[in-house]
N, C-alpha and C. Protein backbone atom coordinates (compact mmCIF):
# COMPACT_ATOMS: atom_id res chain seq x y z
N MET A 1 0.63 -1.25 -0.01
CA MET A 1 -0.29 -0.18 -0.39
C MET A 1 1.05 0.96 0.15
N LEU A 2 0.39 1.85 -0.94
CA LEU A 2 1.44 3.48 -0.88
C LEU A 2 0.85 4.25 0.31
N THR A 3 1.94 4.44 0.94
CA THR A 3 1.61 5.68 1.72
C THR A 3 1.83 7.31 1.37
N ARG A 4 0.89 7.85 2.04
CA ARG A 4 1.08 9.61 2.19
C ARG A 4 2.12 10.02 1.14
N HIS A 5 3.21 9.61 2.27
CA HIS A 5 4.96 10.30 2.51
C HIS A 5 5.88 9.81 0.87
N PHE A 6 5.17 8.61 0.27
CA PHE A 6 6.18 8.16 -0.63
C PHE A 6 5.25 8.51 -2.23
N VAL A 7 3.78 8.89 -2.23
CA VAL A 7 3.24 9.81 -3.12
C VAL A 7 3.88 11.60 -3.16
N CYS A 8 4.03 11.75 -2.08
CA CYS A 8 4.37 13.44 -2.03
C CYS A 8 5.90 13.08 -2.83
N ASP A 9 6.78 12.31 -2.49
CA ASP A 9 7.89 12.20 -2.69
C ASP A 9 8.20 12.22 -4.00
N PHE A 10 7.62 10.95 -5.07
CA PHE A 10 7.22 10.92 -6.09
C PHE A 10 6.73 12.38 -6.83
N VAL A 11 5.61 12.53 -6.40
CA VAL A 11 5.33 14.14 -7.43
C VAL A 11 6.26 15.45 -7.28
N ALA A 12 7.18 15.17 -6.09
CA ALA A 12 8.29 16.29 -5.79
C ALA A 12 9.36 15.88 -6.88
N ASP A 13 9.19 14.79 -7.40
CA ASP A 13 10.32 14.40 -7.97
C ASP A 13 10.47 14.19 -9.80
N ILE A 14 9.31 14.81 -10.10
CA ILE A 14 8.75 15.02 -11.26
C ILE A 14 9.76 16.07 -12.09
N ASP A 15 10.53 15.79 -12.85
CA ASP A 15 10.86 17.12 -13.68
C ASP A 15 10.16 17.88 -14.50
N LEU A 16 9.84 19.22 -14.00
CA LEU A 16 9.12 20.06 -14.71
C LEU A 16 9.54 20.22 -16.32
N SER A 17 10.85 20.43 -16.33
CA SER A 17 11.15 20.48 -17.84
C SER A 17 10.54 19.20 -18.83
N LYS A 18 10.98 18.03 -18.05
CA LYS A 18 10.23 17.05 -18.67
C LYS A 18 9.06 16.66 -19.38
N ILE A 19 7.80 17.32 -18.73
CA ILE A 19 6.76 17.47 -18.88
C ILE A 19 6.48 18.66 -20.04
N TYR A 20 7.42 19.98 -19.88
CA TYR A 20 7.48 20.89 -20.66
C TYR A 20 8.25 21.04 -21.82
N VAL A 21 9.02 19.73 -22.32
CA VAL A 21 9.42 19.08 -23.47
C VAL A 21 8.45 18.41 -23.90
N MET A 22 7.32 17.61 -23.21
CA MET A 22 6.08 16.64 -23.67
C MET A 22 5.23 16.66 -24.47
N LYS A 23 4.80 18.40 -23.71
CA LYS A 23 3.87 19.41 -24.27
C LYS A 23 4.25 19.98 -25.82
N LYS A 24 5.60 19.97 -25.64
CA LYS A 24 6.14 20.89 -27.19
C LYS A 24 5.62 19.60 -28.14
N ILE A 25 6.22 18.73 -27.94
CA ILE A 25 6.05 17.39 -28.70
C ILE A 25 4.71 16.90 -28.93
N MET A 26 4.01 17.15 -27.81
CA MET A 26 2.50 16.62 -28.99
C MET A 26 2.14 18.14 -29.18
N PHE A 27 1.98 19.19 -28.92
CA PHE A 27 1.60 20.34 -29.69
C PHE A 27 2.28 19.83 -31.12
N VAL A 28 3.76 19.65 -31.39
CA VAL A 28 4.39 19.52 -32.83
C VAL A 28 3.24 18.28 -33.38
N ILE A 29 3.02 17.21 -33.08
CA ILE A 29 2.60 16.27 -33.50
C ILE A 29 1.23 17.14 -33.48
N ILE A 30 0.27 17.55 -33.09
CA ILE A 30 -0.98 17.74 -33.65
C ILE A 30 -1.13 18.92 -34.66
N VAL A 31 0.02 19.71 -34.54
CA VAL A 31 -0.14 20.40 -36.10
C VAL A 31 0.71 20.10 -37.32
N LEU A 32 1.37 18.62 -36.97
CA LEU A 32 1.69 18.02 -38.31
C LEU A 32 0.33 16.90 -38.96
N LEU A 33 -0.52 16.61 -37.68
CA LEU A 33 -1.22 15.68 -38.60
C LEU A 33 -2.37 16.52 -38.92
N GLY A 34 -2.85 18.24 -38.42
CA GLY A 34 -3.76 18.68 -39.04
C GLY A 34 -3.29 19.41 -40.24
N LEU A 35 -1.52 19.33 -40.87
CA LEU A 35 -1.18 19.94 -42.00
C LEU A 35 -1.30 18.76 -43.33
N SER A 36 -1.12 17.53 -42.45
CA SER A 36 -1.98 16.47 -43.31
C SER A 36 -2.91 16.05 -43.82
N LEU A 37 -3.87 16.53 -42.90
CA LEU A 37 -5.56 16.99 -43.40
C LEU A 37 -5.68 17.94 -44.42
N VAL A 38 -4.67 18.87 -44.33
CA VAL A 38 -5.00 20.18 -45.43
C VAL A 38 -4.25 19.92 -46.58
N LYS A 39 -3.14 18.47 -46.36
CA LYS A 39 -2.70 18.21 -47.93
C LYS A 39 -3.94 17.80 -48.37
N ALA A 40 -4.49 16.78 -47.90
CA ALA A 40 -5.45 15.39 -48.50
C ALA A 40 -6.24 16.37 -49.19
N ASP A 41 -6.75 17.41 -48.45
CA ASP A 41 -7.86 18.08 -48.93
C ASP A 41 -7.49 19.10 -50.00
N ALA A 42 -6.53 19.19 -50.47
CA ALA A 42 -6.18 20.54 -51.37
C ALA A 42 -6.11 19.37 -52.91
N GLN A 43 -6.29 17.92 -53.05
CA GLN A 43 -6.26 17.46 -53.92
C GLN A 43 -7.97 17.20 -54.83
N TYR A 44 -8.60 18.40 -54.22
CA TYR A 44 -9.99 18.67 -54.80
C TYR A 44 -10.02 19.87 -56.25
N VAL A 45 -10.30 19.76 -56.82
CA VAL A 45 -10.57 20.63 -58.01
C VAL A 45 -12.38 21.42 -58.14
N LYS A 46 -12.18 22.39 -58.62
CA LYS A 46 -13.25 23.07 -59.19
C LYS A 46 -14.20 22.27 -60.37
N ARG A 47 -12.80 22.41 -61.42
CA ARG A 47 -13.28 21.77 -62.95
C ARG A 47 -12.25 20.59 -63.01
N LYS A 48 -12.59 19.51 -63.75
CA LYS A 48 -12.10 18.64 -64.02
C LYS A 48 -11.02 19.12 -65.25
N PRO A 49 -10.01 18.84 -64.96
CA PRO A 49 -8.77 18.92 -66.14
C PRO A 49 -9.15 18.18 -67.46
N VAL A 50 -8.63 18.34 -68.80
CA VAL A 50 -8.49 17.53 -70.02
C VAL A 50 -7.66 17.38 -70.21
N PHE A 51 -7.48 16.01 -70.82
CA PHE A 51 -5.91 15.73 -71.36
C PHE A 51 -5.53 16.58 -72.48
N SER A 52 -4.27 16.75 -72.49
CA SER A 52 -3.89 17.16 -74.24
C SER A 52 -4.04 16.61 -75.19
N ILE A 53 -4.15 17.50 -76.27
CA ILE A 53 -4.66 17.09 -77.68
C ILE A 53 -3.59 16.21 -78.13
N ASN A 54 -2.52 15.68 -77.67
CA ASN A 54 -1.00 15.21 -78.01
C ASN A 54 -0.83 13.87 -77.10
N LEU A 55 -1.86 13.30 -76.27
CA LEU A 55 -1.45 12.47 -75.50
C LEU A 55 -3.20 11.44 -76.07
N SER A 56 -2.76 10.16 -76.20
CA SER A 56 -3.44 8.86 -76.89
C SER A 56 -4.08 8.35 -75.55
N VAL A 57 -5.75 8.62 -75.74
CA VAL A 57 -6.27 8.21 -74.70
C VAL A 57 -6.67 6.31 -74.91
N GLY A 58 -6.55 5.90 -76.22
CA GLY A 58 -7.15 4.63 -76.95
C GLY A 58 -5.75 4.24 -76.86
N ALA A 59 -5.44 2.80 -77.59
CA ALA A 59 -5.05 1.89 -77.45
C ALA A 59 -4.01 2.41 -78.58
N PRO A 60 -2.66 2.57 -78.74
CA PRO A 60 -1.98 3.14 -80.10
C PRO A 60 -1.81 1.91 -80.89
N GLY A 61 -2.73 1.01 -81.31
CA GLY A 61 -2.25 -0.29 -81.60
C GLY A 61 -2.62 -1.63 -81.03
N PRO A 62 -2.44 -2.15 -81.81
CA PRO A 62 -2.46 -4.05 -81.30
C PRO A 62 -1.75 -4.22 -80.01
N PRO A 63 -2.02 -5.07 -78.93
CA PRO A 63 -0.89 -5.27 -78.06
C PRO A 63 0.18 -5.51 -78.44
N PRO A 64 1.62 -5.13 -77.53
CA PRO A 64 2.86 -5.72 -78.05
C PRO A 64 2.76 -6.98 -77.59
N TYR A 65 2.38 -7.77 -76.99
CA TYR A 65 2.43 -9.48 -76.17
C TYR A 65 0.55 -9.75 -75.72
N ARG A 66 0.65 -10.71 -76.25
CA ARG A 66 -0.24 -11.43 -75.65
C ARG A 66 -1.32 -11.35 -74.18
N GLU A 67 -0.79 -11.31 -73.18
CA GLU A 67 -1.45 -10.65 -72.13
C GLU A 67 -1.51 -9.21 -71.89
N ALA A 68 -0.85 -8.46 -73.07
CA ALA A 68 -1.01 -7.04 -72.28
C ALA A 68 -2.66 -6.33 -72.51
N ILE A 69 -2.42 -5.84 -71.60
CA ILE A 69 -4.24 -4.67 -71.31
C ILE A 69 -3.92 -3.18 -71.23
N TRP A 70 -4.34 -2.32 -72.24
CA TRP A 70 -4.61 -0.81 -72.04
C TRP A 70 -4.44 -0.51 -70.91
N ILE A 71 -3.84 0.31 -70.14
CA ILE A 71 -4.13 1.13 -69.02
C ILE A 71 -4.11 2.40 -69.46
N GLU A 72 -5.21 3.04 -69.51
CA GLU A 72 -5.82 4.46 -70.15
C GLU A 72 -4.61 5.41 -69.26
N PRO A 73 -4.59 6.78 -69.74
CA PRO A 73 -3.94 7.79 -68.95
C PRO A 73 -4.67 7.80 -67.74
N GLN A 74 -3.68 8.61 -66.75
CA GLN A 74 -3.91 8.85 -65.50
C GLN A 74 -3.87 10.38 -64.83
N TRP A 75 -4.52 10.48 -63.82
CA TRP A 75 -4.11 11.79 -63.46
C TRP A 75 -3.74 11.84 -62.10
N ARG A 76 -2.12 12.46 -61.91
CA ARG A 76 -1.88 11.93 -60.65
C ARG A 76 -1.28 13.73 -59.99
N TRP A 77 -1.57 13.83 -58.73
CA TRP A 77 -1.44 14.92 -58.16
C TRP A 77 0.08 15.36 -57.75
N ARG A 78 0.72 16.38 -58.40
CA ARG A 78 2.20 16.96 -58.14
C ARG A 78 2.48 18.54 -57.85
N ASN A 79 2.80 18.74 -57.15
CA ASN A 79 2.98 19.82 -56.73
C ASN A 79 1.61 20.95 -56.76
N GLY A 80 0.78 20.78 -55.92
CA GLY A 80 -0.20 21.44 -55.66
C GLY A 80 -1.41 20.87 -57.19
N ARG A 81 -1.11 20.98 -58.05
CA ARG A 81 -2.33 20.68 -59.41
C ARG A 81 -1.78 19.28 -60.48
N TYR A 82 -2.92 18.64 -60.59
CA TYR A 82 -2.62 16.90 -61.77
C TYR A 82 -2.15 17.43 -62.68
N VAL A 83 -1.70 16.46 -63.11
CA VAL A 83 -0.42 16.20 -64.00
C VAL A 83 -1.07 14.91 -64.89
N GLU A 84 -1.31 15.07 -66.13
CA GLU A 84 -1.73 13.66 -66.57
C GLU A 84 -0.17 12.82 -66.64
N VAL A 85 -0.81 11.79 -66.89
CA VAL A 85 0.38 10.47 -66.97
C VAL A 85 -0.33 9.98 -68.19
N ALA A 86 0.93 9.41 -69.36
CA ALA A 86 0.24 9.06 -70.69
C ALA A 86 -0.21 7.54 -70.31
N GLY A 87 -0.92 6.84 -71.12
CA GLY A 87 -1.10 5.32 -70.71
C GLY A 87 0.29 4.56 -71.21
N HIS A 88 -0.23 3.49 -71.02
CA HIS A 88 0.26 1.66 -71.44
C HIS A 88 -0.02 0.87 -71.17
N TRP A 89 1.33 0.00 -72.01
CA TRP A 89 0.40 -1.49 -71.77
C TRP A 89 0.87 -2.02 -70.67
N ALA A 90 0.64 -2.81 -70.04
CA ALA A 90 1.04 -3.71 -68.60
C ALA A 90 0.29 -5.41 -68.60
N LYS A 91 0.89 -5.77 -67.76
CA LYS A 91 0.58 -7.30 -67.40
C LYS A 91 0.11 -7.20 -66.39
N ALA A 92 -1.35 -7.58 -66.16
CA ALA A 92 -2.21 -8.13 -65.04
C ALA A 92 -0.83 -9.21 -64.16
N PRO A 93 -1.18 -8.68 -62.89
CA PRO A 93 -0.47 -8.80 -61.78
C PRO A 93 -0.92 -10.46 -61.53
N ARG A 94 -2.04 -10.98 -61.13
CA ARG A 94 -2.42 -12.20 -61.41
C ARG A 94 -3.17 -12.74 -62.37
N ARG A 95 -3.61 -13.92 -62.55
CA ARG A 95 -4.12 -14.65 -63.96
C ARG A 95 -5.22 -14.24 -63.69
N GLY A 96 -6.34 -13.48 -64.27
CA GLY A 96 -7.74 -13.57 -64.65
C GLY A 96 -8.27 -11.87 -63.68
N SER A 97 -6.97 -11.35 -63.66
CA SER A 97 -7.76 -10.02 -63.22
C SER A 97 -7.69 -8.82 -64.41
N THR A 98 -8.60 -7.98 -64.09
CA THR A 98 -8.99 -6.98 -64.81
C THR A 98 -9.07 -5.71 -64.29
N TRP A 99 -8.61 -4.66 -65.14
CA TRP A 99 -8.02 -3.32 -64.87
C TRP A 99 -9.13 -2.30 -64.54
N VAL A 100 -9.77 -1.89 -63.26
CA VAL A 100 -10.96 -0.70 -63.65
C VAL A 100 -10.32 0.26 -63.80
N ALA A 101 -10.34 0.92 -64.60
CA ALA A 101 -10.05 2.14 -65.15
C ALA A 101 -10.38 3.72 -64.20
N GLY A 102 -9.42 4.49 -63.89
CA GLY A 102 -9.44 5.79 -62.99
C GLY A 102 -10.42 6.69 -63.42
N ARG A 103 -11.41 7.33 -62.35
CA ARG A 103 -12.40 8.34 -63.11
C ARG A 103 -12.11 9.31 -61.89
N TRP A 104 -13.20 10.48 -62.54
CA TRP A 104 -13.64 11.44 -61.47
C TRP A 104 -14.65 11.59 -60.63
N ALA A 105 -14.42 11.67 -59.20
CA ALA A 105 -16.00 11.92 -58.61
C ALA A 105 -15.95 13.47 -58.36
N TYR A 106 -17.29 13.43 -57.88
CA TYR A 106 -17.81 15.09 -57.67
C TYR A 106 -18.31 14.72 -56.43
N THR A 107 -17.78 15.72 -55.27
CA THR A 107 -18.61 16.27 -54.13
C THR A 107 -19.03 17.67 -54.17
N ASN A 108 -20.12 17.71 -53.83
CA ASN A 108 -20.88 18.72 -53.32
C ASN A 108 -19.98 20.33 -52.92
N ARG A 109 -19.43 19.86 -52.03
CA ARG A 109 -18.55 20.73 -50.81
C ARG A 109 -17.05 21.19 -51.48
N ARG A 110 -16.30 20.20 -52.02
CA ARG A 110 -15.07 20.25 -52.62
C ARG A 110 -14.92 20.50 -53.81
N GLY A 111 -15.46 19.66 -54.70
CA GLY A 111 -15.04 19.41 -56.34
C GLY A 111 -15.02 18.33 -56.96
N TYR A 112 -14.12 18.10 -57.78
CA TYR A 112 -13.82 17.15 -57.87
C TYR A 112 -12.53 16.62 -57.40
N ARG A 113 -12.23 15.22 -57.42
CA ARG A 113 -11.30 14.74 -57.16
C ARG A 113 -10.66 13.32 -57.70
N TRP A 114 -9.68 12.77 -58.45
CA TRP A 114 -9.26 11.48 -59.44
C TRP A 114 -9.42 10.61 -58.31
N HIS A 115 -9.86 9.44 -59.00
CA HIS A 115 -9.58 8.20 -57.88
C HIS A 115 -8.81 7.44 -59.03
N ASN A 116 -7.44 6.44 -58.74
CA ASN A 116 -6.71 6.15 -59.46
C ASN A 116 -7.31 4.63 -59.62
N GLY A 117 -6.93 4.21 -61.24
CA GLY A 117 -7.46 3.00 -61.38
C GLY A 117 -6.55 1.48 -60.84
N TYR A 118 -7.08 0.73 -61.31
CA TYR A 118 -6.32 -0.36 -59.88
C TYR A 118 -7.11 -1.58 -60.74
N TRP A 119 -6.27 -2.83 -59.98
CA TRP A 119 -6.27 -4.19 -60.60
C TRP A 119 -7.22 -4.77 -59.55
N LYS A 120 -8.43 -5.75 -60.51
CA LYS A 120 -9.27 -5.95 -59.48
C LYS A 120 -9.49 -8.02 -60.27
């Protein structure tokens, strides 16, 4: 059983500078989490961008090999804006996989956001 004397000695031994450092660390963590949420929200745009004229949306010809699947052009978020990434041929990661094309999704509050394509 803890005595009152022991508890008082324990509380007196706590270094106040350690508490101050812990408070600063917690503050930095909270600020960084907040900034990460702001960055994630920044990927919304008011208008969907369109691919440039010289970018081929459809497959540029027959597949280069039998299992090749055409991956349409995609959008990537870089340096605060969406940039187009050219389409390419790819091999499915597993037999029977299909490619689900990327798409734009609209939210009333924020605008449009690109959802990457993926293998299904």
